[in-house]
Amino acid sequence: MKVISALWPAVRRRVDVPENGAAIGYDRGLRVILWAMVVTSPLELVVVHHLLPWAWARWAHLVLMVAAAVWSLGFIASLWVYPHAVDDERLRIRFGGLLDVVIPVRLIESVRTERVSKGQSKLAEVVGETLSVEVGGMTNLVVRLREPYEVNGFGRVRAVRFTADDPRGAVRQVTRYISRSETPGQDDGRAG
């Protein structure tokens, strides 16, 4: 339901990023394909409507097409409403309303650009100790962690690969927050 519920914040032009945080977009490569599907759906509806010989089948197809259109619009909205985000506390790696991985910034050792194309069929998977969250069959950033970290649903990881529209800008953003978390004398909320 998080996908469909993204429609309201999208209409209100609200992005789910903390007030002191930065958004990192990742959906640029998907937008054209997704919008093409949404735009061509009415054409498919008309063609199939005329091909189906039974009235009940035409109505069932109409209901399914409307539901699919609402879900598709919600999915497109969720990619925009739920970008990757980084703030003083955490790096959130997301894929619309379908995936949300949270990594504490204090555990990030480094972040750099590194393009890897594997074309996996899963939204996210762990290979070795690396969680890979692909968009369009590739990743272009890698975050290395100071120590293994338990990611819900994926187990312990030491690195996370993901995609950003502007990988160099993403490296600058994450590095800025890593530096802020390492500032001497700053209380990071950890007990000594």
N, C-alpha and C. Protein backbone atom coordinates (compact mmCIF):
# COMPACT_ATOMS: atom_id res chain seq x y z
N MET A 1 0.81 -1.20 0.00
CA MET A 1 0.00 0.00 0.00
C MET A 1 0.85 1.27 0.00
N LYS A 2 2.14 1.14 0.39
CA LYS A 2 2.99 2.32 0.41
C LYS A 2 3.17 2.91 -0.98
N VAL A 3 3.05 2.07 -2.02
CA VAL A 3 3.17 2.55 -3.39
C VAL A 3 1.99 3.46 -3.73
N ILE A 4 0.77 3.00 -3.48
CA ILE A 4 -0.41 3.80 -3.81
C ILE A 4 -0.51 5.02 -2.89
N SER A 5 -0.12 4.87 -1.63
CA SER A 5 -0.21 6.01 -0.70
C SER A 5 0.78 7.12 -1.06
N ALA A 6 1.72 6.86 -1.97
CA ALA A 6 2.66 7.90 -2.41
C ALA A 6 2.00 8.93 -3.32
N LEU A 7 0.81 8.62 -3.83
CA LEU A 7 0.14 9.56 -4.74
C LEU A 7 -0.18 10.89 -4.05
N TRP A 8 -0.68 10.84 -2.81
CA TRP A 8 -1.06 12.08 -2.12
C TRP A 8 0.15 12.98 -1.85
N PRO A 9 1.25 12.49 -1.28
CA PRO A 9 2.41 13.37 -1.11
C PRO A 9 2.95 13.89 -2.45
N ALA A 10 2.86 13.08 -3.50
CA ALA A 10 3.35 13.52 -4.81
C ALA A 10 2.51 14.68 -5.33
N VAL A 11 1.20 14.59 -5.17
CA VAL A 11 0.32 15.69 -5.59
C VAL A 11 0.64 16.95 -4.80
N ARG A 12 0.96 16.78 -3.52
CA ARG A 12 1.29 17.92 -2.65
C ARG A 12 2.75 18.34 -2.79
N ARG A 13 3.52 17.66 -3.67
CA ARG A 13 4.93 17.96 -3.94
C ARG A 13 5.78 17.80 -2.68
N ARG A 14 5.51 16.77 -1.90
CA ARG A 14 6.26 16.47 -0.67
C ARG A 14 7.15 15.25 -0.90
N VAL A 15 8.41 15.40 -0.55
CA VAL A 15 9.38 14.32 -0.67
C VAL A 15 9.77 13.88 0.74
N ASP A 16 9.87 12.57 0.96
CA ASP A 16 10.18 12.02 2.28
C ASP A 16 11.69 12.06 2.54
N VAL A 17 12.15 13.24 2.94
CA VAL A 17 13.56 13.45 3.28
C VAL A 17 13.59 14.27 4.57
N PRO A 18 14.43 13.89 5.54
CA PRO A 18 14.50 14.66 6.79
C PRO A 18 14.83 16.13 6.52
N GLU A 19 14.38 16.98 7.40
CA GLU A 19 14.57 18.43 7.24
C GLU A 19 16.03 18.82 7.06
N ASN A 20 16.92 18.17 7.80
CA ASN A 20 18.35 18.50 7.69
C ASN A 20 19.09 17.55 6.75
N GLY A 21 18.34 16.78 5.96
CA GLY A 21 18.95 15.78 5.09
C GLY A 21 18.97 16.20 3.63
N ALA A 22 19.48 15.29 2.81
CA ALA A 22 19.59 15.53 1.37
C ALA A 22 18.98 14.35 0.62
N ALA A 23 18.27 14.65 -0.45
CA ALA A 23 17.70 13.62 -1.31
C ALA A 23 18.70 13.22 -2.38
N ILE A 24 18.68 11.95 -2.73
CA ILE A 24 19.53 11.42 -3.79
C ILE A 24 18.60 10.65 -4.73
N GLY A 25 18.34 11.23 -5.90
CA GLY A 25 17.42 10.61 -6.86
C GLY A 25 18.04 9.41 -7.55
N TYR A 26 17.19 8.49 -8.00
CA TYR A 26 17.67 7.28 -8.67
C TYR A 26 16.73 6.81 -9.78
N ASP A 27 15.69 7.56 -10.10
CA ASP A 27 14.66 7.06 -11.02
C ASP A 27 14.72 7.63 -12.43
N ARG A 28 15.69 8.44 -12.74
CA ARG A 28 15.75 9.09 -14.05
C ARG A 28 15.69 8.07 -15.20
N GLY A 29 16.41 6.98 -15.10
CA GLY A 29 16.43 5.98 -16.16
C GLY A 29 15.13 5.21 -16.32
N LEU A 30 14.31 5.18 -15.28
CA LEU A 30 13.06 4.44 -15.33
C LEU A 30 11.88 5.29 -15.80
N ARG A 31 11.97 6.60 -15.61
CA ARG A 31 10.82 7.48 -15.88
C ARG A 31 10.24 7.32 -17.28
N VAL A 32 11.08 7.35 -18.31
CA VAL A 32 10.59 7.29 -19.69
C VAL A 32 9.82 5.99 -19.92
N ILE A 33 10.37 4.88 -19.48
CA ILE A 33 9.73 3.58 -19.68
C ILE A 33 8.40 3.53 -18.94
N LEU A 34 8.39 3.97 -17.68
CA LEU A 34 7.17 3.90 -16.89
C LEU A 34 6.08 4.81 -17.44
N TRP A 35 6.45 6.03 -17.83
CA TRP A 35 5.45 6.94 -18.40
C TRP A 35 4.96 6.43 -19.75
N ALA A 36 5.81 5.79 -20.52
CA ALA A 36 5.38 5.21 -21.81
C ALA A 36 4.32 4.14 -21.57
N MET A 37 4.51 3.34 -20.53
CA MET A 37 3.52 2.32 -20.20
C MET A 37 2.19 2.94 -19.80
N VAL A 38 2.25 3.99 -18.99
CA VAL A 38 1.02 4.64 -18.54
C VAL A 38 0.29 5.29 -19.71
N VAL A 39 1.04 5.93 -20.60
CA VAL A 39 0.43 6.64 -21.74
C VAL A 39 -0.16 5.66 -22.75
N THR A 40 0.46 4.51 -22.95
CA THR A 40 -0.06 3.55 -23.94
C THR A 40 -1.18 2.67 -23.39
N SER A 41 -1.39 2.66 -22.09
CA SER A 41 -2.44 1.83 -21.50
C SER A 41 -3.84 2.13 -22.05
N PRO A 42 -4.24 3.40 -22.23
CA PRO A 42 -5.57 3.64 -22.81
C PRO A 42 -5.73 3.05 -24.21
N LEU A 43 -4.67 3.08 -24.99
CA LEU A 43 -4.73 2.48 -26.33
C LEU A 43 -4.97 0.97 -26.22
N GLU A 44 -4.25 0.34 -25.31
CA GLU A 44 -4.45 -1.09 -25.08
C GLU A 44 -5.88 -1.37 -24.62
N LEU A 45 -6.39 -0.52 -23.75
CA LEU A 45 -7.76 -0.68 -23.25
C LEU A 45 -8.76 -0.67 -24.40
N VAL A 46 -8.63 0.29 -25.31
CA VAL A 46 -9.56 0.41 -26.44
C VAL A 46 -9.44 -0.81 -27.36
N VAL A 47 -8.23 -1.21 -27.69
CA VAL A 47 -8.04 -2.34 -28.60
C VAL A 47 -8.62 -3.62 -28.01
N VAL A 48 -8.25 -3.92 -26.77
CA VAL A 48 -8.73 -5.14 -26.12
C VAL A 48 -10.24 -5.09 -25.93
N HIS A 49 -10.78 -3.92 -25.62
CA HIS A 49 -12.23 -3.76 -25.44
C HIS A 49 -12.98 -4.22 -26.71
N HIS A 50 -12.46 -3.87 -27.85
CA HIS A 50 -13.12 -4.25 -29.12
C HIS A 50 -12.86 -5.70 -29.50
N LEU A 51 -11.81 -6.30 -28.97
CA LEU A 51 -11.51 -7.69 -29.30
C LEU A 51 -12.27 -8.69 -28.42
N LEU A 52 -12.63 -8.28 -27.21
CA LEU A 52 -13.33 -9.20 -26.31
C LEU A 52 -14.81 -9.31 -26.71
N PRO A 53 -15.29 -10.53 -26.91
CA PRO A 53 -16.67 -10.69 -27.38
C PRO A 53 -17.72 -10.63 -26.26
N TRP A 54 -17.33 -10.75 -25.00
CA TRP A 54 -18.29 -10.79 -23.91
C TRP A 54 -18.27 -9.49 -23.11
N ALA A 55 -19.46 -9.02 -22.77
CA ALA A 55 -19.58 -7.77 -22.01
C ALA A 55 -18.91 -7.90 -20.64
N TRP A 56 -19.10 -9.05 -19.96
CA TRP A 56 -18.50 -9.22 -18.63
C TRP A 56 -16.97 -9.18 -18.71
N ALA A 57 -16.40 -9.72 -19.79
CA ALA A 57 -14.94 -9.70 -19.95
C ALA A 57 -14.44 -8.29 -20.20
N ARG A 58 -15.21 -7.52 -20.95
CA ARG A 58 -14.81 -6.11 -21.20
C ARG A 58 -14.83 -5.33 -19.89
N TRP A 59 -15.86 -5.56 -19.05
CA TRP A 59 -15.93 -4.86 -17.76
C TRP A 59 -14.79 -5.30 -16.83
N ALA A 60 -14.54 -6.60 -16.81
CA ALA A 60 -13.44 -7.11 -15.96
C ALA A 60 -12.10 -6.51 -16.42
N HIS A 61 -11.90 -6.47 -17.73
CA HIS A 61 -10.67 -5.89 -18.26
C HIS A 61 -10.56 -4.41 -17.90
N LEU A 62 -11.67 -3.67 -17.99
CA LEU A 62 -11.67 -2.26 -17.62
C LEU A 62 -11.27 -2.06 -16.16
N VAL A 63 -11.86 -2.88 -15.28
CA VAL A 63 -11.54 -2.77 -13.84
C VAL A 63 -10.05 -3.07 -13.61
N LEU A 64 -9.54 -4.12 -14.24
CA LEU A 64 -8.12 -4.47 -14.08
C LEU A 64 -7.21 -3.37 -14.62
N MET A 65 -7.58 -2.79 -15.76
CA MET A 65 -6.76 -1.72 -16.35
C MET A 65 -6.74 -0.47 -15.47
N VAL A 66 -7.89 -0.13 -14.87
CA VAL A 66 -7.95 1.03 -13.98
C VAL A 66 -7.09 0.77 -12.73
N ALA A 67 -7.20 -0.43 -12.17
CA ALA A 67 -6.39 -0.77 -10.99
C ALA A 67 -4.90 -0.74 -11.35
N ALA A 68 -4.55 -1.27 -12.50
CA ALA A 68 -3.15 -1.26 -12.93
C ALA A 68 -2.64 0.16 -13.16
N ALA A 69 -3.51 1.03 -13.71
CA ALA A 69 -3.11 2.42 -13.94
C ALA A 69 -2.88 3.14 -12.62
N VAL A 70 -3.77 2.91 -11.64
CA VAL A 70 -3.59 3.55 -10.33
C VAL A 70 -2.30 3.06 -9.68
N TRP A 71 -2.06 1.74 -9.74
CA TRP A 71 -0.84 1.21 -9.15
C TRP A 71 0.38 1.77 -9.86
N SER A 72 0.35 1.84 -11.18
CA SER A 72 1.49 2.36 -11.96
C SER A 72 1.78 3.81 -11.61
N LEU A 73 0.74 4.62 -11.52
CA LEU A 73 0.93 6.03 -11.13
C LEU A 73 1.48 6.12 -9.71
N GLY A 74 0.99 5.26 -8.82
CA GLY A 74 1.50 5.23 -7.46
C GLY A 74 2.96 4.82 -7.41
N PHE A 75 3.34 3.85 -8.24
CA PHE A 75 4.74 3.40 -8.29
C PHE A 75 5.65 4.52 -8.78
N ILE A 76 5.23 5.20 -9.86
CA ILE A 76 6.01 6.33 -10.38
C ILE A 76 6.14 7.40 -9.30
N ALA A 77 5.03 7.70 -8.61
CA ALA A 77 5.06 8.71 -7.54
C ALA A 77 5.98 8.26 -6.41
N SER A 78 5.97 6.97 -6.07
CA SER A 78 6.79 6.50 -4.95
C SER A 78 8.29 6.61 -5.24
N LEU A 79 8.67 6.48 -6.50
CA LEU A 79 10.09 6.65 -6.85
C LEU A 79 10.54 8.08 -6.59
N TRP A 80 9.63 9.03 -6.76
CA TRP A 80 9.96 10.44 -6.53
C TRP A 80 9.80 10.81 -5.05
N VAL A 81 8.74 10.33 -4.41
CA VAL A 81 8.45 10.67 -3.01
C VAL A 81 9.47 10.04 -2.06
N TYR A 82 9.97 8.85 -2.40
CA TYR A 82 10.91 8.13 -1.54
C TYR A 82 12.27 7.99 -2.22
N PRO A 83 13.02 9.09 -2.34
CA PRO A 83 14.38 8.99 -2.91
C PRO A 83 15.31 8.39 -1.86
N HIS A 84 16.53 8.05 -2.28
CA HIS A 84 17.54 7.75 -1.27
C HIS A 84 17.68 9.04 -0.46
N ALA A 85 18.04 8.92 0.81
CA ALA A 85 18.19 10.11 1.63
C ALA A 85 19.33 9.91 2.62
N VAL A 86 20.01 11.01 2.91
CA VAL A 86 21.09 10.95 3.89
C VAL A 86 20.95 12.16 4.81
N ASP A 87 21.19 11.92 6.09
CA ASP A 87 21.20 13.00 7.08
C ASP A 87 22.28 12.67 8.11
N ASP A 88 22.28 13.38 9.22
CA ASP A 88 23.31 13.18 10.25
C ASP A 88 23.30 11.78 10.86
N GLU A 89 22.14 11.13 10.83
CA GLU A 89 21.99 9.84 11.49
C GLU A 89 22.11 8.64 10.56
N ARG A 90 21.53 8.73 9.36
CA ARG A 90 21.43 7.53 8.54
C ARG A 90 21.42 7.81 7.04
N LEU A 91 21.80 6.77 6.31
CA LEU A 91 21.67 6.74 4.86
C LEU A 91 20.54 5.75 4.57
N ARG A 92 19.52 6.23 3.86
CA ARG A 92 18.40 5.36 3.48
C ARG A 92 18.50 5.08 2.00
N ILE A 93 18.59 3.81 1.65
CA ILE A 93 18.64 3.37 0.26
C ILE A 93 17.29 2.76 -0.04
N ARG A 94 16.58 3.36 -1.00
CA ARG A 94 15.20 2.95 -1.23
C ARG A 94 14.94 2.63 -2.70
N PHE A 95 13.84 1.96 -2.91
CA PHE A 95 13.32 1.76 -4.25
C PHE A 95 11.81 1.94 -4.14
N GLY A 96 11.39 3.19 -4.36
CA GLY A 96 9.98 3.53 -4.23
C GLY A 96 9.45 3.11 -2.87
N GLY A 97 8.25 2.57 -2.86
CA GLY A 97 7.66 2.08 -1.63
C GLY A 97 7.93 0.60 -1.41
N LEU A 98 8.82 0.02 -2.20
CA LEU A 98 9.06 -1.42 -2.15
C LEU A 98 10.26 -1.82 -1.29
N LEU A 99 11.24 -0.93 -1.11
CA LEU A 99 12.44 -1.27 -0.37
C LEU A 99 12.97 -0.05 0.37
N ASP A 100 13.38 -0.26 1.61
CA ASP A 100 13.95 0.82 2.43
C ASP A 100 15.02 0.22 3.33
N VAL A 101 16.28 0.42 2.98
CA VAL A 101 17.42 -0.09 3.74
C VAL A 101 18.05 1.09 4.47
N VAL A 102 18.21 0.96 5.78
CA VAL A 102 18.76 2.03 6.61
C VAL A 102 20.15 1.64 7.11
N ILE A 103 21.13 2.51 6.82
CA ILE A 103 22.51 2.30 7.25
C ILE A 103 22.91 3.50 8.13
N PRO A 104 23.35 3.27 9.38
CA PRO A 104 23.82 4.39 10.20
C PRO A 104 25.03 5.07 9.56
N VAL A 105 25.01 6.38 9.49
CA VAL A 105 26.11 7.13 8.87
C VAL A 105 27.42 6.89 9.62
N ARG A 106 27.36 6.72 10.92
CA ARG A 106 28.58 6.53 11.71
C ARG A 106 29.33 5.24 11.32
N LEU A 107 28.65 4.30 10.65
CA LEU A 107 29.28 3.06 10.22
C LEU A 107 29.90 3.14 8.83
N ILE A 108 29.64 4.23 8.12
CA ILE A 108 30.14 4.33 6.75
C ILE A 108 31.62 4.71 6.76
N GLU A 109 32.42 3.85 6.17
CA GLU A 109 33.85 4.09 6.06
C GLU A 109 34.17 4.93 4.82
N SER A 110 33.51 4.57 3.68
CA SER A 110 33.77 5.30 2.44
C SER A 110 32.60 5.13 1.49
N VAL A 111 32.54 6.06 0.54
CA VAL A 111 31.55 5.97 -0.54
C VAL A 111 32.26 6.41 -1.81
N ARG A 112 32.03 5.68 -2.88
CA ARG A 112 32.67 6.05 -4.15
C ARG A 112 31.83 5.56 -5.32
N THR A 113 32.11 6.14 -6.48
CA THR A 113 31.43 5.69 -7.68
C THR A 113 32.10 4.42 -8.17
N GLU A 114 31.31 3.48 -8.59
CA GLU A 114 31.80 2.23 -9.15
C GLU A 114 30.64 1.58 -9.89
N ARG A 115 30.67 1.66 -11.20
CA ARG A 115 29.57 1.13 -12.01
C ARG A 115 29.70 -0.38 -12.17
N VAL A 116 28.62 -1.09 -11.84
CA VAL A 116 28.57 -2.53 -11.99
C VAL A 116 27.23 -2.87 -12.65
N SER A 117 27.29 -3.62 -13.74
CA SER A 117 26.08 -4.08 -14.42
C SER A 117 26.01 -5.58 -14.33
N LYS A 118 24.99 -6.07 -13.62
CA LYS A 118 24.81 -7.51 -13.48
C LYS A 118 23.47 -7.95 -14.06
N GLY A 119 22.50 -7.07 -14.05
CA GLY A 119 21.19 -7.42 -14.57
C GLY A 119 20.48 -8.49 -13.77
N GLN A 120 20.59 -8.42 -12.45
CA GLN A 120 19.94 -9.42 -11.61
C GLN A 120 18.43 -9.31 -11.74
N SER A 121 17.73 -10.37 -11.41
CA SER A 121 16.28 -10.36 -11.51
C SER A 121 15.61 -9.95 -10.21
N LYS A 122 16.36 -9.89 -9.13
CA LYS A 122 15.80 -9.51 -7.84
C LYS A 122 15.97 -8.01 -7.62
N LEU A 123 15.06 -7.44 -6.84
CA LEU A 123 15.15 -6.03 -6.49
C LEU A 123 16.44 -5.77 -5.70
N ALA A 124 16.73 -6.67 -4.76
CA ALA A 124 17.94 -6.55 -3.95
C ALA A 124 18.39 -7.94 -3.54
N GLU A 125 19.70 -8.12 -3.48
CA GLU A 125 20.24 -9.40 -3.02
C GLU A 125 21.62 -9.19 -2.42
N VAL A 126 22.00 -10.13 -1.56
CA VAL A 126 23.32 -10.11 -0.95
C VAL A 126 24.18 -11.15 -1.63
N VAL A 127 25.34 -10.71 -2.09
CA VAL A 127 26.34 -11.61 -2.66
C VAL A 127 27.59 -11.42 -1.82
N GLY A 128 28.03 -12.49 -1.17
CA GLY A 128 29.14 -12.37 -0.23
C GLY A 128 28.66 -11.54 0.94
N GLU A 129 29.31 -10.43 1.17
CA GLU A 129 28.89 -9.51 2.24
C GLU A 129 28.45 -8.17 1.66
N THR A 130 28.02 -8.17 0.39
CA THR A 130 27.60 -6.93 -0.28
C THR A 130 26.14 -7.00 -0.67
N LEU A 131 25.37 -6.04 -0.18
CA LEU A 131 23.97 -5.90 -0.59
C LEU A 131 23.94 -5.06 -1.85
N SER A 132 23.28 -5.57 -2.88
CA SER A 132 23.20 -4.87 -4.16
C SER A 132 21.74 -4.52 -4.44
N VAL A 133 21.47 -3.22 -4.61
CA VAL A 133 20.13 -2.72 -4.94
C VAL A 133 20.24 -2.09 -6.32
N GLU A 134 19.84 -2.86 -7.33
CA GLU A 134 20.00 -2.40 -8.71
C GLU A 134 18.78 -1.63 -9.20
N VAL A 135 19.04 -0.68 -10.09
CA VAL A 135 17.99 0.02 -10.83
C VAL A 135 18.38 -0.12 -12.29
N GLY A 136 17.50 -0.72 -13.09
CA GLY A 136 17.82 -0.91 -14.49
C GLY A 136 18.97 -1.87 -14.71
N GLY A 137 19.16 -2.82 -13.80
CA GLY A 137 20.20 -3.82 -13.97
C GLY A 137 21.61 -3.37 -13.62
N MET A 138 21.74 -2.23 -12.93
CA MET A 138 23.09 -1.78 -12.60
C MET A 138 23.12 -0.96 -11.32
N THR A 139 24.33 -0.82 -10.80
CA THR A 139 24.59 0.08 -9.67
C THR A 139 25.74 0.99 -10.07
N ASN A 140 25.84 2.16 -9.44
CA ASN A 140 26.96 3.05 -9.75
C ASN A 140 27.61 3.66 -8.51
N LEU A 141 27.22 3.20 -7.33
CA LEU A 141 27.84 3.65 -6.08
C LEU A 141 28.09 2.45 -5.19
N VAL A 142 29.12 2.54 -4.38
CA VAL A 142 29.37 1.52 -3.37
C VAL A 142 29.72 2.22 -2.06
N VAL A 143 29.06 1.79 -0.99
CA VAL A 143 29.31 2.29 0.36
C VAL A 143 29.97 1.15 1.13
N ARG A 144 31.15 1.39 1.65
CA ARG A 144 31.86 0.40 2.48
C ARG A 144 31.62 0.76 3.94
N LEU A 145 31.41 -0.26 4.76
CA LEU A 145 31.13 -0.05 6.18
C LEU A 145 32.34 -0.38 7.04
N ARG A 146 32.44 0.27 8.18
CA ARG A 146 33.56 0.05 9.10
C ARG A 146 33.52 -1.35 9.72
N GLU A 147 32.31 -1.88 9.85
CA GLU A 147 32.11 -3.19 10.48
C GLU A 147 30.85 -3.81 9.89
N PRO A 148 30.69 -5.11 10.02
CA PRO A 148 29.46 -5.74 9.50
C PRO A 148 28.23 -5.14 10.18
N TYR A 149 27.17 -5.02 9.39
CA TYR A 149 25.93 -4.42 9.91
C TYR A 149 24.75 -5.29 9.48
N GLU A 150 23.86 -5.56 10.41
CA GLU A 150 22.68 -6.39 10.17
C GLU A 150 21.60 -5.55 9.49
N VAL A 151 21.28 -5.92 8.25
CA VAL A 151 20.22 -5.25 7.50
C VAL A 151 18.99 -6.16 7.52
N ASN A 152 17.88 -5.64 8.03
CA ASN A 152 16.66 -6.45 8.14
C ASN A 152 16.32 -7.13 6.81
N GLY A 153 16.13 -8.42 6.88
CA GLY A 153 15.74 -9.19 5.72
C GLY A 153 16.89 -9.63 4.82
N PHE A 154 18.10 -9.13 5.09
CA PHE A 154 19.23 -9.45 4.22
C PHE A 154 20.42 -10.04 4.97
N GLY A 155 20.48 -9.91 6.27
CA GLY A 155 21.60 -10.42 7.04
C GLY A 155 22.70 -9.37 7.19
N ARG A 156 23.90 -9.85 7.56
CA ARG A 156 25.03 -8.95 7.83
C ARG A 156 25.73 -8.59 6.53
N VAL A 157 26.01 -7.29 6.37
CA VAL A 157 26.70 -6.82 5.17
C VAL A 157 27.86 -5.91 5.57
N ARG A 158 28.85 -5.82 4.70
CA ARG A 158 29.98 -4.90 4.90
C ARG A 158 30.01 -3.81 3.84
N ALA A 159 29.15 -3.96 2.81
CA ALA A 159 29.09 -2.97 1.73
C ALA A 159 27.69 -2.98 1.13
N VAL A 160 27.33 -1.84 0.56
CA VAL A 160 26.04 -1.72 -0.13
C VAL A 160 26.29 -1.04 -1.47
N ARG A 161 25.80 -1.66 -2.52
CA ARG A 161 25.85 -1.07 -3.87
C ARG A 161 24.45 -0.58 -4.20
N PHE A 162 24.38 0.63 -4.80
CA PHE A 162 23.09 1.16 -5.22
C PHE A 162 23.30 2.15 -6.34
N THR A 163 22.21 2.72 -6.83
CA THR A 163 22.25 3.59 -8.00
C THR A 163 21.78 4.99 -7.64
N ALA A 164 22.41 5.98 -8.24
CA ALA A 164 21.99 7.38 -8.11
C ALA A 164 22.01 8.02 -9.49
N ASP A 165 21.08 8.96 -9.71
CA ASP A 165 21.06 9.69 -10.98
C ASP A 165 22.35 10.47 -11.19
N ASP A 166 22.86 11.06 -10.11
CA ASP A 166 24.10 11.84 -10.14
C ASP A 166 25.07 11.21 -9.15
N PRO A 167 25.82 10.20 -9.57
CA PRO A 167 26.68 9.49 -8.62
C PRO A 167 27.73 10.37 -7.94
N ARG A 168 28.33 11.28 -8.70
CA ARG A 168 29.35 12.16 -8.07
C ARG A 168 28.71 13.09 -7.04
N GLY A 169 27.54 13.62 -7.35
CA GLY A 169 26.83 14.45 -6.39
C GLY A 169 26.44 13.66 -5.15
N ALA A 170 26.05 12.41 -5.35
CA ALA A 170 25.70 11.54 -4.22
C ALA A 170 26.92 11.29 -3.33
N VAL A 171 28.08 11.05 -3.95
CA VAL A 171 29.30 10.86 -3.17
C VAL A 171 29.58 12.10 -2.33
N ARG A 172 29.43 13.28 -2.92
CA ARG A 172 29.66 14.53 -2.17
C ARG A 172 28.68 14.64 -0.99
N GLN A 173 27.40 14.35 -1.24
CA GLN A 173 26.40 14.45 -0.17
C GLN A 173 26.71 13.49 0.98
N VAL A 174 26.92 12.22 0.65
CA VAL A 174 27.17 11.22 1.70
C VAL A 174 28.46 11.54 2.43
N THR A 175 29.51 11.92 1.70
CA THR A 175 30.79 12.27 2.32
C THR A 175 30.62 13.44 3.28
N ARG A 176 29.82 14.42 2.91
CA ARG A 176 29.57 15.56 3.79
C ARG A 176 28.97 15.11 5.12
N TYR A 177 28.02 14.18 5.07
CA TYR A 177 27.40 13.71 6.31
C TYR A 177 28.32 12.77 7.09
N ILE A 178 29.16 12.01 6.38
CA ILE A 178 30.16 11.18 7.08
C ILE A 178 31.09 12.10 7.86
N SER A 179 31.56 13.17 7.23
CA SER A 179 32.46 14.13 7.88
C SER A 179 31.81 14.75 9.09
N ARG A 180 30.53 15.09 8.98
CA ARG A 180 29.81 15.69 10.11
C ARG A 180 29.69 14.72 11.26
N SER A 181 29.52 13.42 10.96
CA SER A 181 29.38 12.43 12.04
C SER A 181 30.71 12.15 12.73
N GLU A 182 31.83 12.51 12.06
CA GLU A 182 33.16 12.27 12.62
C GLU A 182 33.75 13.50 13.30
N THR A 183 32.99 14.60 13.33
CA THR A 183 33.49 15.83 13.93
C THR A 183 33.80 15.60 15.40
N PRO A 184 35.05 15.88 15.85
CA PRO A 184 35.41 15.68 17.25
C PRO A 184 34.53 16.54 18.17
N GLY A 185 34.16 15.93 19.30
CA GLY A 185 33.38 16.67 20.28
C GLY A 185 31.88 16.66 19.99
N GLN A 186 31.49 16.14 18.84
CA GLN A 186 30.07 16.10 18.53
C GLN A 186 29.47 14.88 19.21
N ASP A 187 28.37 15.08 19.93
CA ASP A 187 27.69 13.99 20.59
C ASP A 187 26.88 13.23 19.55
N ASP A 188 27.25 11.97 19.30
CA ASP A 188 26.54 11.19 18.29
C ASP A 188 25.49 10.28 18.93
N GLY A 189 25.26 10.41 20.22
CA GLY A 189 24.22 9.65 20.88
C GLY A 189 24.65 8.25 21.31
N ARG A 190 25.89 7.91 21.08
CA ARG A 190 26.37 6.58 21.48
C ARG A 190 26.94 6.65 22.89
N ALA A 191 26.68 5.63 23.67
CA ALA A 191 27.23 5.57 25.04
C ALA A 191 28.70 5.19 24.95
N GLY A 192 29.53 5.78 25.77
CA GLY A 192 30.96 5.50 25.73
C GLY A 192 31.27 4.33 26.51
